[in-house]
Amino acid sequence: MKTMKILASFLVLFLALQVTGYSQCSKDNPIQTVKYKVNSQGDQCKTIIETALNNTDGVQSSNLDLITNIVTVKFNKSLITKADVAKVLTDKGYTAEYVANTSTNTGSHNCSHPCGHNQN
């Protein structure tokens, strides 16, 4: 009997996570990811760029890869646009060259899963 209650509890938890995951992956998900190539030159530029982006309403997160000079920005498209993201970069004196999504998965969508990974 105790085993059945434990199994039932795990089943309910599993189903709740599945429902939550699927609802976050709907086509209406407002979270979008965009990438821009910037003309950064080190840690100070990384700090300036990420701070400016992360302090912008609608931006969820940003990360500048100093090796590729590509900044990846997750934002809420109902609050801010790709052009707004680029403007934050150019207002700080950096270039903002859009990097197209290179995913080969034709059914891709920018979707944040409960575990934190993106499915592209």
Protein backbone atom coordinates (compact mmCIF):
# COMPACT_ATOMS: atom_id res chain seq x y z
CA MET A 1 0.00 0.00 0.00
CA LYS A 2 2.80 2.39 0.92
CA THR A 3 4.56 1.57 -2.36
CA MET A 4 1.40 2.43 -4.31
CA LYS A 5 1.17 5.84 -2.62
CA ILE A 6 4.80 6.57 -3.48
CA LEU A 7 4.30 5.50 -7.09
CA ALA A 8 1.14 7.59 -7.34
CA SER A 9 3.00 10.61 -5.96
CA PHE A 10 5.78 10.22 -8.51
CA LEU A 11 3.25 9.82 -11.30
CA VAL A 12 1.46 13.03 -10.29
CA LEU A 13 4.78 14.90 -10.10
CA PHE A 14 5.88 13.55 -13.49
CA LEU A 15 2.59 14.55 -15.12
CA ALA A 16 2.74 18.02 -13.56
CA LEU A 17 6.23 18.56 -14.96
CA GLN A 18 5.14 17.37 -18.40
CA VAL A 19 2.14 19.70 -18.47
CA THR A 20 4.31 22.63 -17.32
CA GLY A 21 6.93 21.82 -19.95
CA TYR A 22 4.42 21.63 -22.76
CA SER A 23 2.69 24.85 -21.77
CA GLN A 24 6.02 26.67 -21.84
CA CYS A 25 6.72 25.30 -25.31
CA SER A 26 3.63 26.63 -26.97
CA LYS A 27 4.03 28.61 -30.16
CA ASP A 28 2.92 31.66 -28.15
CA ASN A 29 5.97 31.54 -25.88
CA PRO A 30 7.11 35.17 -25.55
CA ILE A 31 10.74 34.26 -24.76
CA GLN A 32 12.98 34.57 -27.78
CA THR A 33 16.73 34.18 -28.25
CA VAL A 34 18.76 36.39 -30.57
CA LYS A 35 22.49 36.54 -31.32
CA TYR A 36 24.59 39.50 -32.42
CA LYS A 37 28.24 39.70 -33.43
CA VAL A 38 29.79 42.66 -31.60
CA ASN A 39 33.16 44.40 -31.71
CA SER A 40 34.18 43.65 -28.14
CA GLN A 41 37.77 43.49 -26.92
CA GLY A 42 37.89 41.85 -23.51
CA ASP A 43 36.43 41.49 -20.05
CA GLN A 44 35.58 45.17 -19.66
CA CYS A 45 33.52 45.10 -22.86
CA LYS A 46 31.81 41.91 -21.67
CA THR A 47 30.83 43.62 -18.42
CA ILE A 48 29.57 46.76 -20.19
CA ILE A 49 27.54 44.82 -22.76
CA GLU A 50 26.01 42.28 -20.38
CA THR A 51 25.21 44.92 -17.75
CA ALA A 52 23.51 47.18 -20.31
CA LEU A 53 21.46 44.31 -21.72
CA ASN A 54 20.57 42.75 -18.37
CA ASN A 55 19.38 46.13 -17.07
CA THR A 56 17.03 46.52 -20.05
CA ASP A 57 13.34 45.85 -19.41
CA GLY A 58 12.33 42.66 -21.19
CA VAL A 59 15.80 41.10 -21.31
CA GLN A 60 15.89 37.83 -19.41
CA SER A 61 19.63 37.11 -19.80
CA SER A 62 22.67 37.84 -21.92
CA ASN A 63 26.04 36.23 -22.40
CA LEU A 64 28.95 37.50 -24.48
CA ASP A 65 31.35 34.84 -25.73
CA LEU A 66 34.70 36.63 -25.87
CA ILE A 67 36.19 34.07 -28.27
CA THR A 68 33.53 34.49 -30.98
CA ASN A 69 32.39 38.02 -29.96
CA ILE A 70 28.80 36.79 -30.18
CA VAL A 71 26.34 37.94 -27.55
CA THR A 72 23.34 35.70 -26.96
CA VAL A 73 20.29 37.47 -25.55
CA LYS A 74 17.09 35.89 -24.22
CA PHE A 75 14.25 38.39 -24.12
CA ASN A 76 10.51 38.69 -23.83
CA LYS A 77 9.30 39.62 -27.31
CA SER A 78 6.08 41.05 -25.90
CA LEU A 79 8.16 43.71 -24.08
CA ILE A 80 11.12 44.36 -26.39
CA THR A 81 12.10 43.69 -30.02
CA LYS A 82 15.27 42.42 -31.69
CA ALA A 83 15.81 45.97 -32.95
CA ASP A 84 15.59 47.27 -29.37
CA VAL A 85 18.24 44.75 -28.31
CA ALA A 86 20.51 45.90 -31.15
CA LYS A 87 19.94 49.54 -30.17
CA VAL A 88 21.15 48.84 -26.61
CA LEU A 89 24.40 47.56 -28.13
CA THR A 90 24.87 50.42 -30.58
CA ASP A 91 24.01 53.02 -27.92
CA LYS A 92 26.97 51.65 -25.95
CA GLY A 93 29.21 52.09 -29.00
CA TYR A 94 29.33 48.50 -30.23
CA THR A 95 28.38 46.97 -33.55
CA ALA A 96 25.35 44.70 -33.61
CA GLU A 97 25.49 42.33 -36.57
CA TYR A 98 22.58 39.88 -36.45
CA VAL A 99 23.65 36.23 -36.46
CA ALA A 100 21.02 34.00 -38.06
CA ASN A 101 19.94 30.83 -36.28
CA THR A 102 22.17 28.06 -37.60
CA SER A 103 20.10 25.20 -36.18
CA THR A 104 19.45 22.37 -38.62
CA ASN A 105 16.27 21.36 -36.81
CA THR A 106 13.51 22.68 -39.07
CA GLY A 107 10.94 22.27 -36.33
CA SER A 108 12.88 24.53 -34.00
CA HIS A 109 11.37 26.93 -31.55
CA ASN A 110 12.93 29.01 -28.83
CA CYS A 111 11.49 27.38 -25.80
CA SER A 112 12.75 27.40 -22.24
CA HIS A 113 12.14 24.05 -20.60
CA PRO A 114 11.65 23.67 -16.83
CA CYS A 115 15.14 22.18 -16.50
CA GLY A 116 16.67 25.30 -18.04
CA HIS A 117 17.81 24.08 -21.47
CA ASN A 118 16.57 25.41 -24.77
CA GLN A 119 15.18 23.16 -27.43
CA ASN A 120 16.15 24.53 -30.83
